[in-house]
Amino acid sequence: MTCILAAVALVALAGVGAAAPENASQPAPHTNATRWSDDADACLTADGYREQYGRDPRPVELLATCTDFTYETPPNVTAANDRLRQSITPGDETTSLGPSSAPVGSDGRLQDVRLSFLTVSPSTLVHETATTTRFVRPTGSVVGYVDYRVDTTPVTTGNTTVSWRLRSHRVESVSLATDRGVLGTASRTQKPTFTYQQVPTGRTQFRLTATVTAAFERTVTVTANGTRETTTDRVTANVTVTQTQTVVVTRPTADTAVLAYHDGTRRVILSNLTPWSRYGLAGTSDHAVQNVWQFYTAEEPAWQTLDKATATTTTVVRPTARPLVVHAVPTRSRPEPELPWGPLQIEDRTGAKHARPQFDDSNLTSTPTAYQHVDRLRLRQPAAASVTLHGLVAGPPTTRSLPTTPQRARNATLTLTTASHSLTNATLLVTLTDDATGEPLSTGAAGTNHADGSVVVAGTPVSLNETGQATVVVSEPGVYRAAFRPAAWRPGQPAYVATEATATWHPLTTFHGLTDAFWDLLKLLLAAGTVVYASRQLARLRSPHP
């Protein structure tokens, strides 16, 4: 079922007095609390739920057993995976069971040693490009999975039979490391659990390394000429395998700044945003912004099929219990306020554009053809004291205080005058100065009097020099407009308010213009009079005298 139907059903339940879940971002404790998870969505009864999970269900959890959900912030599947992990059991000593994609090692009678990541918690698979990136928090846990088999089948070649008796076998050691060193070690367990803390943010690799050992008693029997000779010795096998997983360690952070204008309005700047799903200002719902992402839970990709290997066969099987992972997909083209008509409005978004990611799911019909990965926002918003930022990975949000003393926007004066003119063109002079200091403002090379922005005169961008001036030559009479448009404000830089100026030029609108026009007209009249006089004189010369 679609998330729209799920939402309708939830509203219906609420209307008849259904209790809300303690945390709306938490899925019910079963694999059916997923979207597109290849489950049958068979609804459980209340008795069936109690039998399976050992407690009374909430109405929303009963609904979750037959409905697929998406979430606005990443759900936490750690508790669900802790329960599922108990049901994921390696094979016995003669059977090796593990993900088909897991690396395999062998040494003599120790065969099909497999090593895999079972869960990385918390983590989110983000579908942002043609590939998928796993995001994790700086603090979390990794559960590994190791399985292997031993082969004690006797082998007869000619008159020689070799048989083995297993004396011991175990997972000697398992370690988790990154490129900065070892994060933890474990031994004698096929499902080692590691916790890590304060891993530096950025791209890195989690590396699992497992060593498995086995000891055998080998007996060689040779039969010749009716006699049998037997020798026995000890044989050991040792296999080390490594599995890696590339991750991006992230935590929700942002730089904050507040800009106040003279009319009492405020602008909140959030910059250097790490990947985020949602944020709220002042803790109220009408001051929240939702990013492009929606979240759903599904099986870990590596655990969709398993290889089951014995001494005689290798078959592909479907596991009965599969760990969950959170997926994030863009479902809108850009971040928007949760209430578009509310007091919070987005004035500017900065970030790279991305094409729709490629993934096999025709049910996600609302995914846009392109979306913006925003890392800077400028907001028009009433007074707020703090911002709460949610990341792309489940975990506590980050709350940052906004500056108590906002930076003040400055006014600037833009003038446009006629510096010189003729009957055919005019030179316009544009000047920009700071109202408070009277100093000129330059839009050219950065300096102490630099104003980050642009000035356009008569549709033509101009660069103001160190004296805050520039000239533009125009040839058509009319009204000309100059505009100063400040660039997107960045904390620590002066902020200016946009301003405009106009100037009118026509050759007859000034005293000099009228004088020039008079003398030009007089010259034309004199030239015309000279031509008329000359024409008459020529006519008289050609006429016969009486």
Protein backbone atom coordinates (compact mmCIF):
# COMPACT_ATOMS: atom_id res chain seq x y z
CA MET A 1 0.00 0.00 0.00
CA THR A 2 1.17 3.52 -0.59
CA CYS A 3 2.21 5.90 2.15
CA ILE A 4 -0.91 7.98 1.32
CA LEU A 5 -3.17 5.06 2.20
CA ALA A 6 -1.14 4.49 5.35
CA ALA A 7 -1.61 8.12 6.35
CA VAL A 8 -5.37 7.91 5.73
CA ALA A 9 -5.57 4.77 7.83
CA LEU A 10 -3.62 6.39 10.64
CA VAL A 11 -5.97 9.37 10.64
CA ALA A 12 -8.92 7.00 10.80
CA LEU A 13 -7.40 5.22 13.77
CA ALA A 14 -6.75 8.50 15.53
CA GLY A 15 -10.36 9.50 14.97
CA VAL A 16 -11.61 6.52 16.97
CA GLY A 17 -9.29 7.14 19.87
CA ALA A 18 -6.12 5.29 18.78
CA ALA A 19 -3.11 5.97 20.94
CA ALA A 20 -0.18 7.64 19.22
CA PRO A 21 3.18 5.85 19.31
CA GLU A 22 5.76 7.09 21.79
CA ASN A 23 8.07 8.04 18.94
CA ALA A 24 6.51 8.46 15.51
CA SER A 25 9.83 7.80 13.82
CA GLN A 26 10.18 4.33 15.33
CA PRO A 27 8.97 1.40 13.22
CA ALA A 28 7.01 -1.39 14.84
CA PRO A 29 9.30 -4.25 15.91
CA HIS A 30 9.00 -6.46 12.84
CA THR A 31 10.08 -6.56 9.22
CA ASN A 32 6.65 -5.49 7.98
CA ALA A 33 7.26 -1.92 9.19
CA THR A 34 8.97 -1.27 5.89
CA ARG A 35 8.26 0.00 2.43
CA TRP A 36 8.82 -2.29 -0.61
CA SER A 37 10.30 -5.00 1.61
CA ASP A 38 9.01 -7.99 -0.38
CA ASP A 39 6.81 -8.96 2.54
CA ALA A 40 3.31 -10.34 2.19
CA ASP A 41 1.81 -7.64 4.45
CA ALA A 42 -0.30 -10.21 6.30
CA CYS A 43 -2.14 -8.37 9.07
CA LEU A 44 -1.70 -9.76 12.58
CA THR A 45 -4.50 -9.95 15.09
CA ALA A 46 -3.99 -8.57 18.58
CA ASP A 47 -3.57 -12.14 19.88
CA GLY A 48 -1.09 -12.94 17.10
CA TYR A 49 0.88 -9.80 17.90
CA ARG A 50 1.04 -10.68 21.62
CA GLU A 51 2.16 -14.20 20.77
CA GLN A 52 4.89 -12.97 18.42
CA TYR A 53 6.19 -9.94 20.34
CA GLY A 54 5.22 -10.65 23.92
CA ARG A 55 3.19 -7.49 24.61
CA ASP A 56 -0.06 -5.76 23.73
CA PRO A 57 0.09 -3.85 20.45
CA ARG A 58 -0.79 -0.23 19.89
CA PRO A 59 -3.28 0.36 17.06
CA VAL A 60 -0.58 1.89 14.86
CA GLU A 61 1.60 -1.20 15.36
CA LEU A 62 -1.23 -3.50 14.32
CA LEU A 63 -1.65 -1.37 11.21
CA ALA A 64 2.08 -1.61 10.56
CA THR A 65 1.86 -5.38 10.24
CA CYS A 66 -0.04 -4.98 6.96
CA THR A 67 0.99 -1.51 5.76
CA ASP A 68 4.20 0.03 4.44
CA PHE A 69 5.45 3.32 5.86
CA THR A 70 7.78 6.15 4.91
CA TYR A 71 9.21 8.65 7.39
CA GLU A 72 10.20 12.32 7.36
CA THR A 73 13.19 11.67 9.61
CA PRO A 74 15.25 8.46 9.67
CA PRO A 75 13.68 5.75 11.86
CA ASN A 76 15.76 3.84 14.37
CA VAL A 77 15.86 0.12 13.51
CA THR A 78 18.53 -0.82 16.07
CA ALA A 79 16.07 -2.40 18.51
CA ALA A 80 14.35 -4.33 15.71
CA ASN A 81 17.72 -5.60 14.45
CA ASP A 82 18.71 -6.66 17.97
CA ARG A 83 15.68 -8.93 18.03
CA LEU A 84 16.18 -10.16 14.48
CA ARG A 85 19.84 -10.98 15.12
CA GLN A 86 18.83 -13.64 17.62
CA SER A 87 17.03 -15.48 14.80
CA ILE A 88 19.97 -15.37 12.40
CA THR A 89 21.90 -18.57 13.12
CA PRO A 90 25.07 -19.82 11.38
CA GLY A 91 25.20 -23.36 10.03
CA ASP A 92 26.56 -26.32 11.93
CA GLU A 93 30.15 -27.55 11.62
CA THR A 94 29.41 -29.32 8.32
CA THR A 95 27.48 -26.42 6.74
CA SER A 96 28.62 -22.91 5.89
CA LEU A 97 25.85 -20.33 5.53
CA GLY A 98 26.40 -16.72 4.59
CA PRO A 99 25.64 -13.89 2.14
CA SER A 100 26.41 -14.70 -1.47
CA SER A 101 28.52 -11.54 -1.72
CA ALA A 102 30.71 -12.40 1.28
CA PRO A 103 34.41 -13.24 0.72
CA VAL A 104 35.24 -16.94 1.06
CA GLY A 105 38.48 -18.56 2.23
CA SER A 106 39.62 -22.18 2.62
CA ASP A 107 42.60 -24.10 3.95
CA GLY A 108 42.68 -27.87 3.68
CA ARG A 109 39.79 -29.38 5.58
CA LEU A 110 38.64 -25.93 6.81
CA GLN A 111 36.31 -24.79 4.03
CA ASP A 112 34.03 -21.91 2.97
CA VAL A 113 35.04 -19.46 5.67
CA ARG A 114 32.68 -16.50 5.20
CA LEU A 115 32.79 -13.03 6.78
CA SER A 116 30.10 -10.37 6.45
CA PHE A 117 28.69 -7.27 8.07
CA LEU A 118 25.42 -8.23 9.73
CA THR A 119 24.35 -4.74 10.87
CA VAL A 120 25.86 -1.27 11.05
CA SER A 121 23.77 0.77 13.47
CA PRO A 122 22.66 3.42 13.05
CA SER A 123 23.15 3.85 9.31
CA THR A 124 21.24 5.05 6.25
CA LEU A 125 21.69 4.06 2.61
CA VAL A 126 21.33 7.35 0.73
CA HIS A 127 20.31 7.18 -2.93
CA GLU A 128 21.74 10.50 -4.08
CA THR A 129 23.50 9.60 -7.35
CA ALA A 130 23.89 6.54 -9.56
CA THR A 131 25.45 4.81 -6.55
CA THR A 132 24.32 4.39 -2.95
CA THR A 133 26.28 5.80 -0.01
CA ARG A 134 26.05 4.46 3.53
CA PHE A 135 26.01 7.27 6.09
CA VAL A 136 26.79 6.50 9.75
CA ARG A 137 27.15 8.46 12.97
CA PRO A 138 30.48 9.03 14.73
CA THR A 139 29.22 6.71 17.51
CA GLY A 140 27.53 3.41 16.78
CA SER A 141 27.91 -0.34 16.60
CA VAL A 142 28.87 -3.00 14.08
CA VAL A 143 27.81 -6.64 14.26
CA GLY A 144 29.79 -9.09 12.17
CA TYR A 145 28.93 -12.57 10.97
CA VAL A 146 31.36 -15.48 10.54
CA ASP A 147 30.59 -19.00 9.39
CA TYR A 148 32.60 -21.94 8.08
CA ARG A 149 32.51 -25.70 7.70
CA VAL A 150 34.90 -28.57 8.23
CA ASP A 151 35.18 -31.56 5.92
CA THR A 152 36.03 -34.91 7.50
CA THR A 153 35.06 -37.06 4.53
CA PRO A 154 37.68 -39.84 4.10
CA VAL A 155 39.47 -40.03 0.77
CA THR A 156 40.70 -43.30 -0.75
CA THR A 157 43.23 -43.28 -3.53
CA GLY A 158 44.41 -46.69 -4.69
CA ASN A 159 45.49 -48.61 -1.61
CA THR A 160 45.71 -45.49 0.59
CA THR A 161 42.87 -44.10 2.71
CA VAL A 162 43.14 -40.76 4.49
CA SER A 163 40.62 -39.99 7.21
CA TRP A 164 40.24 -37.02 9.54
CA ARG A 165 38.84 -36.62 13.01
CA LEU A 166 37.95 -33.10 14.11
CA ARG A 167 39.60 -32.24 17.41
CA SER A 168 38.69 -28.52 17.72
CA HIS A 169 37.49 -25.54 15.72
CA ARG A 170 36.71 -21.94 16.57
CA VAL A 171 36.69 -18.31 15.48
CA GLU A 172 40.07 -17.33 16.80
CA SER A 173 39.64 -13.57 16.50
CA VAL A 174 37.63 -10.84 14.77
CA SER A 175 38.61 -7.19 14.60
CA LEU A 176 36.97 -3.98 13.39
CA ALA A 177 39.23 -1.23 12.09
CA THR A 178 39.28 1.93 10.00
CA ASP A 179 42.19 3.59 8.24
CA ARG A 180 42.98 5.27 11.59
CA GLY A 181 43.39 2.03 13.53
CA VAL A 182 41.61 -0.83 15.28
CA LEU A 183 38.27 0.03 16.89
CA GLY A 184 37.71 -3.27 18.70
CA THR A 185 38.46 -7.00 18.85
CA ALA A 186 36.49 -10.11 19.77
CA SER A 187 37.15 -13.86 19.90
CA ARG A 188 35.32 -17.19 19.90
CA THR A 189 32.05 -15.78 18.54
CA GLN A 190 30.44 -16.04 15.14
CA LYS A 191 28.42 -12.85 15.65
CA PRO A 192 30.92 -10.38 17.15
CA THR A 193 29.58 -7.02 18.31
CA PHE A 194 31.70 -3.87 18.28
CA THR A 195 30.90 -0.41 19.58
CA TYR A 196 32.82 2.62 18.39
CA GLN A 197 32.92 6.23 19.50
CA GLN A 198 34.05 9.55 18.06
CA VAL A 199 35.12 8.30 14.67
CA PRO A 200 36.17 11.42 12.69
CA THR A 201 33.65 12.66 10.17
CA GLY A 202 34.25 12.05 6.48
CA ARG A 203 34.60 9.08 4.17
CA THR A 204 36.33 6.01 5.57
CA GLN A 205 36.22 2.21 5.46
CA PHE A 206 35.04 -0.17 8.13
CA ARG A 207 37.21 -3.29 7.87
CA LEU A 208 36.32 -6.60 9.46
CA THR A 209 39.05 -9.23 9.71
CA ALA A 210 38.36 -12.74 11.01
CA THR A 211 40.68 -15.66 11.66
CA VAL A 212 39.25 -19.17 11.97
CA THR A 213 41.26 -22.19 13.10
CA ALA A 214 40.60 -25.93 13.16
CA ALA A 215 42.63 -28.91 14.40
CA PHE A 216 42.33 -32.45 13.00
CA GLU A 217 43.73 -35.85 13.72
CA ARG A 218 44.73 -37.27 10.35
CA THR A 219 45.02 -41.04 9.89
CA VAL A 220 46.70 -42.53 6.81
CA THR A 221 46.06 -46.21 6.18
CA VAL A 222 48.02 -48.10 3.50
CA THR A 223 47.01 -51.63 2.57
CA ALA A 224 49.59 -53.68 0.63
CA ASN A 225 50.28 -57.41 0.30
CA GLY A 226 47.58 -58.26 2.80
CA THR A 227 49.05 -56.00 5.49
CA ARG A 228 47.77 -52.67 6.79
CA GLU A 229 49.99 -49.89 8.01
CA THR A 230 48.49 -46.91 9.85
CA THR A 231 50.06 -43.57 10.80
CA THR A 232 48.44 -40.72 12.73
CA ASP A 233 49.42 -37.08 13.07
CA ARG A 234 47.95 -33.70 13.98
CA VAL A 235 46.99 -31.19 11.28
CA THR A 236 45.86 -27.59 11.81
CA ALA A 237 44.16 -25.22 9.39
CA ASN A 238 44.08 -21.46 9.62
CA VAL A 239 42.04 -19.08 7.43
CA THR A 240 41.91 -15.26 7.59
CA VAL A 241 39.32 -13.32 5.61
CA THR A 242 38.61 -9.59 5.37
CA GLN A 243 35.45 -7.70 4.44
CA THR A 244 35.28 -3.91 3.96
CA GLN A 245 32.44 -1.44 3.79
CA THR A 246 32.83 2.19 2.72
CA VAL A 247 30.91 4.65 4.90
CA VAL A 248 30.56 8.40 5.33
CA VAL A 249 30.67 9.44 8.97
CA THR A 250 28.42 12.45 9.57
CA ARG A 251 26.77 14.39 12.38
CA PRO A 252 24.10 17.09 11.95
CA THR A 253 25.78 20.49 12.23
CA ALA A 254 25.41 23.97 10.75
CA ASP A 255 26.86 27.44 11.16
CA THR A 256 24.21 29.93 12.26
CA ALA A 257 23.89 33.69 11.92
CA VAL A 258 21.13 36.28 12.22
CA LEU A 259 20.82 39.49 10.22
CA ALA A 260 18.48 42.29 11.39
CA TYR A 261 17.07 44.97 9.10
CA HIS A 262 16.02 48.50 10.05
CA ASP A 263 12.35 47.69 9.47
CA GLY A 264 12.47 45.05 12.22
CA THR A 265 12.58 41.97 9.98
CA ARG A 266 15.19 39.25 10.51
CA ARG A 267 17.03 36.80 8.32
CA VAL A 268 18.42 33.52 9.68
CA ILE A 269 21.41 32.06 7.85
CA LEU A 270 22.23 28.34 8.06
CA SER A 271 25.46 27.52 6.24
CA ASN A 272 27.93 24.65 5.95
CA LEU A 273 25.00 22.29 6.49
CA THR A 274 25.95 18.65 6.80
CA PRO A 275 23.50 16.24 5.11
CA TRP A 276 20.20 16.92 6.86
CA SER A 277 16.61 15.70 6.79
CA ARG A 278 14.72 18.35 8.74
CA TYR A 279 15.23 21.29 11.03
CA GLY A 280 13.05 23.41 13.27
CA LEU A 281 13.43 26.93 14.63
CA ALA A 282 12.33 27.78 18.16
CA GLY A 283 10.86 24.29 18.51
CA THR A 284 7.50 25.06 16.89
CA SER A 285 5.95 23.08 14.04
CA ASP A 286 5.21 26.13 11.89
CA HIS A 287 8.90 27.03 11.98
CA ALA A 288 10.11 23.73 10.48
CA VAL A 289 11.67 22.99 7.09
CA GLN A 290 11.61 19.57 5.46
CA ASN A 291 14.48 18.60 3.17
CA VAL A 292 14.08 16.60 -0.05
CA TRP A 293 14.46 13.20 1.66
CA GLN A 294 11.94 10.55 2.66
CA PHE A 295 12.99 7.43 4.54
CA TYR A 296 11.91 3.81 4.48
CA THR A 297 13.25 0.57 5.91
CA ALA A 298 14.06 -2.56 3.95
CA GLU A 299 16.35 -5.58 4.06
CA GLU A 300 20.09 -5.19 4.12
CA PRO A 301 20.99 -5.70 0.43
CA ALA A 302 23.70 -8.26 1.20
CA TRP A 303 21.26 -10.43 3.17
CA GLN A 304 18.63 -10.99 0.50
CA THR A 305 20.15 -14.36 -0.50
CA LEU A 306 22.55 -16.75 1.24
CA ASP A 307 24.86 -19.47 -0.02
CA LYS A 308 24.47 -22.76 1.84
CA ALA A 309 27.56 -24.91 1.28
CA THR A 310 28.13 -28.51 2.36
CA ALA A 311 30.73 -31.07 1.33
CA THR A 312 28.60 -32.09 -1.66
CA THR A 313 26.44 -29.11 -2.70
CA THR A 314 26.17 -25.32 -2.70
CA THR A 315 22.66 -23.88 -2.93
CA VAL A 316 21.18 -20.38 -2.79
CA VAL A 317 18.57 -19.97 -0.06
CA ARG A 318 16.33 -17.16 1.16
CA PRO A 319 16.94 -16.32 4.84
CA THR A 320 13.90 -16.44 7.11
CA ALA A 321 15.17 -13.47 9.17
CA ARG A 322 16.85 -10.51 7.52
CA PRO A 323 18.36 -7.42 9.14
CA LEU A 324 16.86 -4.03 8.31
CA VAL A 325 18.51 -0.88 7.01
CA VAL A 326 17.14 2.63 6.48
CA HIS A 327 17.01 4.01 2.94
CA ALA A 328 16.78 7.70 1.97
CA VAL A 329 15.46 8.85 -1.41
CA PRO A 330 14.70 12.38 -2.69
CA THR A 331 10.97 12.90 -3.11
CA ARG A 332 10.88 16.64 -3.83
CA SER A 333 13.03 18.98 -5.89
CA ARG A 334 14.14 21.29 -3.06
CA PRO A 335 13.62 21.95 0.67
CA GLU A 336 10.36 23.64 1.60
CA PRO A 337 8.79 24.95 4.82
CA GLU A 338 6.48 22.44 6.40
CA LEU A 339 3.75 25.10 6.22
CA PRO A 340 4.31 27.04 2.97
CA TRP A 341 1.83 29.70 4.12
CA GLY A 342 3.41 30.04 7.58
CA PRO A 343 5.67 32.77 8.95
CA LEU A 344 8.89 31.02 7.90
CA GLN A 345 9.90 31.52 4.27
CA ILE A 346 13.00 30.41 2.37
CA GLU A 347 14.54 33.34 0.49
CA ASP A 348 17.64 31.67 -0.87
CA ARG A 349 18.94 28.11 -1.32
CA THR A 350 22.52 27.30 -2.28
CA GLY A 351 23.67 23.85 -3.34
CA ALA A 352 24.49 21.55 -6.23
CA LYS A 353 21.83 20.12 -8.53
CA HIS A 354 21.58 16.34 -8.90
CA ALA A 355 19.73 14.13 -11.34
CA ARG A 356 17.21 11.59 -10.06
CA PRO A 357 19.07 8.64 -8.52
CA GLN A 358 18.70 5.27 -10.17
CA PHE A 359 17.11 2.53 -8.10
CA ASP A 360 14.69 -0.25 -8.92
CA ASP A 361 11.36 0.76 -7.43
CA SER A 362 8.45 1.76 -9.61
CA ASN A 363 6.27 2.53 -6.58
CA LEU A 364 8.09 5.78 -5.84
CA THR A 365 6.20 7.82 -8.43
CA SER A 366 6.75 11.15 -6.64
CA THR A 367 10.53 11.17 -7.05
CA PRO A 368 11.51 14.31 -9.02
CA THR A 369 13.64 14.21 -12.16
CA ALA A 370 16.19 16.45 -10.42
CA TYR A 371 16.72 17.82 -6.93
CA GLN A 372 18.94 20.31 -5.11
CA HIS A 373 21.41 19.24 -2.43
CA VAL A 374 21.20 22.37 -0.26
CA ASP A 375 24.07 23.28 2.06
CA ARG A 376 23.11 26.93 2.74
CA LEU A 377 19.76 28.57 3.47
CA ARG A 378 18.63 32.14 4.04
CA LEU A 379 15.30 32.39 5.82
CA ARG A 380 12.86 35.14 6.61
CA GLN A 381 11.59 34.22 10.04
CA PRO A 382 10.27 35.84 13.23
CA ALA A 383 12.42 35.87 16.35
CA ALA A 384 13.83 32.46 17.27
CA ALA A 385 16.42 31.51 19.86
CA SER A 386 17.69 28.19 18.49
CA VAL A 387 17.67 25.75 15.59
CA THR A 388 17.26 21.97 15.92
CA LEU A 389 18.83 19.97 13.10
CA HIS A 390 18.10 16.34 12.19
CA GLY A 391 20.64 14.39 10.11
CA LEU A 392 20.21 11.58 7.59
CA VAL A 393 21.04 8.94 10.21
CA ALA A 394 18.87 8.04 13.21
CA GLY A 395 20.00 9.59 16.44
CA PRO A 396 19.54 12.66 18.62
CA PRO A 397 19.23 15.96 16.76
CA THR A 398 21.69 18.80 17.18
CA THR A 399 20.44 22.04 18.76
CA ARG A 400 22.38 25.21 18.09
CA SER A 401 21.68 28.59 19.69
CA LEU A 402 21.21 31.52 17.37
CA PRO A 403 23.27 34.66 18.08
CA THR A 404 21.57 36.81 20.71
CA THR A 405 22.92 39.99 19.10
CA PRO A 406 22.22 39.90 15.37
CA GLN A 407 24.35 41.69 12.85
CA ARG A 408 22.70 44.85 11.53
CA ALA A 409 22.15 45.42 7.84
CA ARG A 410 23.51 48.70 6.49
CA ASN A 411 21.87 51.16 4.17
CA ALA A 412 23.76 52.43 1.14
CA THR A 413 23.08 55.41 -1.12
CA LEU A 414 23.20 54.92 -4.87
CA THR A 415 23.25 58.01 -7.12
CA LEU A 416 23.06 58.29 -10.89
CA THR A 417 23.88 61.60 -12.57
CA THR A 418 24.82 62.94 -16.01
CA ALA A 419 28.54 63.67 -15.95
CA SER A 420 28.76 64.99 -19.54
CA HIS A 421 26.69 64.99 -22.70
CA SER A 422 26.35 66.05 -26.26
CA LEU A 423 23.51 66.02 -28.74
CA THR A 424 24.25 62.35 -29.54
CA ASN A 425 25.24 60.72 -26.21
CA ALA A 426 25.70 61.19 -22.50
CA THR A 427 28.05 59.83 -19.86
CA LEU A 428 26.23 58.68 -16.72
CA LEU A 429 28.09 58.56 -13.39
CA VAL A 430 27.00 56.00 -10.79
CA THR A 431 28.21 56.31 -7.18
CA LEU A 432 27.68 54.02 -4.16
CA THR A 433 28.40 55.11 -0.56
CA ASP A 434 27.83 53.73 2.93
CA ASP A 435 25.15 55.79 4.71
CA ALA A 436 26.66 55.38 8.17
CA THR A 437 30.29 56.21 7.32
CA GLY A 438 29.96 58.15 4.07
CA GLU A 439 32.75 56.01 2.64
CA PRO A 440 32.60 54.91 -1.02
CA LEU A 441 31.77 51.27 -1.66
CA SER A 442 33.54 49.24 -4.32
CA THR A 443 32.17 46.15 -6.06
CA GLY A 444 35.49 45.41 -7.79
CA ALA A 445 38.51 43.90 -6.08
CA ALA A 446 38.00 43.01 -2.42
CA GLY A 447 39.24 45.57 0.05
CA THR A 448 38.31 47.45 3.18
CA ASN A 449 35.48 49.25 1.39
CA HIS A 450 34.28 46.28 -0.62
CA ALA A 451 30.53 45.63 -0.93
CA ASP A 452 29.82 42.11 -2.11
CA GLY A 453 27.19 42.42 -4.80
CA SER A 454 26.57 43.90 -8.23
CA VAL A 455 25.52 47.20 -9.79
CA VAL A 456 23.57 47.27 -13.04
CA VAL A 457 23.03 50.47 -15.04
CA ALA A 458 20.66 50.47 -18.01
CA GLY A 459 20.80 46.66 -18.05
CA THR A 460 24.61 46.62 -18.15
CA PRO A 461 26.64 45.28 -15.16
CA VAL A 462 29.33 47.71 -14.04
CA SER A 463 32.19 47.36 -11.57
CA LEU A 464 32.65 50.22 -9.10
CA ASN A 465 36.25 51.26 -8.50
CA GLU A 466 37.88 52.11 -5.18
CA THR A 467 36.14 55.49 -5.17
CA GLY A 468 32.79 53.74 -5.50
CA GLN A 469 32.20 55.08 -9.02
CA ALA A 470 31.75 53.93 -12.58
CA THR A 471 30.64 55.55 -15.83
CA VAL A 472 28.31 54.37 -18.54
CA VAL A 473 27.86 56.00 -21.98
CA VAL A 474 24.30 56.03 -23.37
CA SER A 475 23.10 57.29 -26.74
CA GLU A 476 19.32 57.10 -26.51
CA PRO A 477 17.38 59.81 -24.63
CA GLY A 478 15.23 58.50 -21.81
CA VAL A 479 15.01 57.50 -18.16
CA TYR A 480 17.86 55.28 -16.93
CA ARG A 481 17.81 53.09 -13.83
CA ALA A 482 20.71 51.91 -11.68
CA ALA A 483 20.32 49.09 -9.12
CA PHE A 484 22.59 47.76 -6.39
CA ARG A 485 21.89 44.12 -5.53
CA PRO A 486 23.87 42.76 -2.55
CA ALA A 487 25.18 39.23 -2.83
CA ALA A 488 23.97 36.51 -0.46
CA TRP A 489 25.18 37.60 2.93
CA ARG A 490 27.83 35.58 4.67
CA PRO A 491 28.56 35.95 8.39
CA GLY A 492 31.49 38.21 9.18
CA GLN A 493 30.93 40.37 6.09
CA PRO A 494 29.04 43.68 5.90
CA ALA A 495 25.43 43.28 4.83
CA TYR A 496 23.73 45.97 2.75
CA VAL A 497 20.16 46.63 1.70
CA ALA A 498 19.34 46.75 -2.00
CA THR A 499 18.79 50.21 -3.44
CA GLU A 500 18.06 51.93 -6.76
CA ALA A 501 18.48 55.31 -8.45
CA THR A 502 17.28 56.89 -11.72
CA ALA A 503 18.47 59.64 -14.08
CA THR A 504 16.87 61.26 -17.11
CA TRP A 505 18.85 62.42 -20.09
CA HIS A 506 17.70 64.35 -23.12
CA PRO A 507 19.71 66.94 -25.04
CA LEU A 508 17.00 69.61 -24.53
CA THR A 509 16.59 69.11 -20.79
CA THR A 510 19.68 71.14 -19.78
CA PHE A 511 20.86 74.75 -20.36
CA HIS A 512 23.92 73.58 -22.24
CA GLY A 513 21.76 71.26 -24.26
CA LEU A 514 19.44 74.13 -25.24
CA THR A 515 22.42 76.38 -26.08
CA ASP A 516 24.03 73.69 -28.19
CA ALA A 517 20.74 73.02 -29.91
CA PHE A 518 20.26 76.78 -30.59
CA TRP A 519 23.68 77.19 -32.12
CA ASP A 520 23.28 73.99 -34.14
CA LEU A 521 19.90 75.27 -35.41
CA LEU A 522 21.42 78.67 -36.19
CA LYS A 523 24.17 76.96 -38.16
CA LEU A 524 21.57 75.03 -40.11
CA LEU A 525 19.58 78.18 -40.81
CA LEU A 526 22.70 80.04 -41.96
CA ALA A 527 23.66 77.12 -44.17
CA ALA A 528 20.15 76.98 -45.60
CA GLY A 529 20.11 80.79 -46.13
CA THR A 530 23.47 80.60 -47.88
CA VAL A 531 22.16 77.92 -50.22
CA VAL A 532 19.02 79.97 -51.02
CA TYR A 533 21.04 83.13 -51.61
CA ALA A 534 23.49 81.30 -53.85
CA SER A 535 20.66 79.73 -55.83
CA ARG A 536 19.08 83.10 -56.47
CA GLN A 537 22.37 84.61 -57.56
CA LEU A 538 22.94 81.80 -60.04
CA ALA A 539 19.43 82.20 -61.36
CA ARG A 540 20.00 85.93 -61.95
CA LEU A 541 23.23 85.24 -63.81
CA ARG A 542 21.44 82.88 -66.18
CA SER A 543 18.57 85.25 -66.86
CA PRO A 544 18.91 87.68 -69.92
CA HIS A 545 19.28 91.32 -69.01
CA PRO A 546 16.48 93.63 -70.20
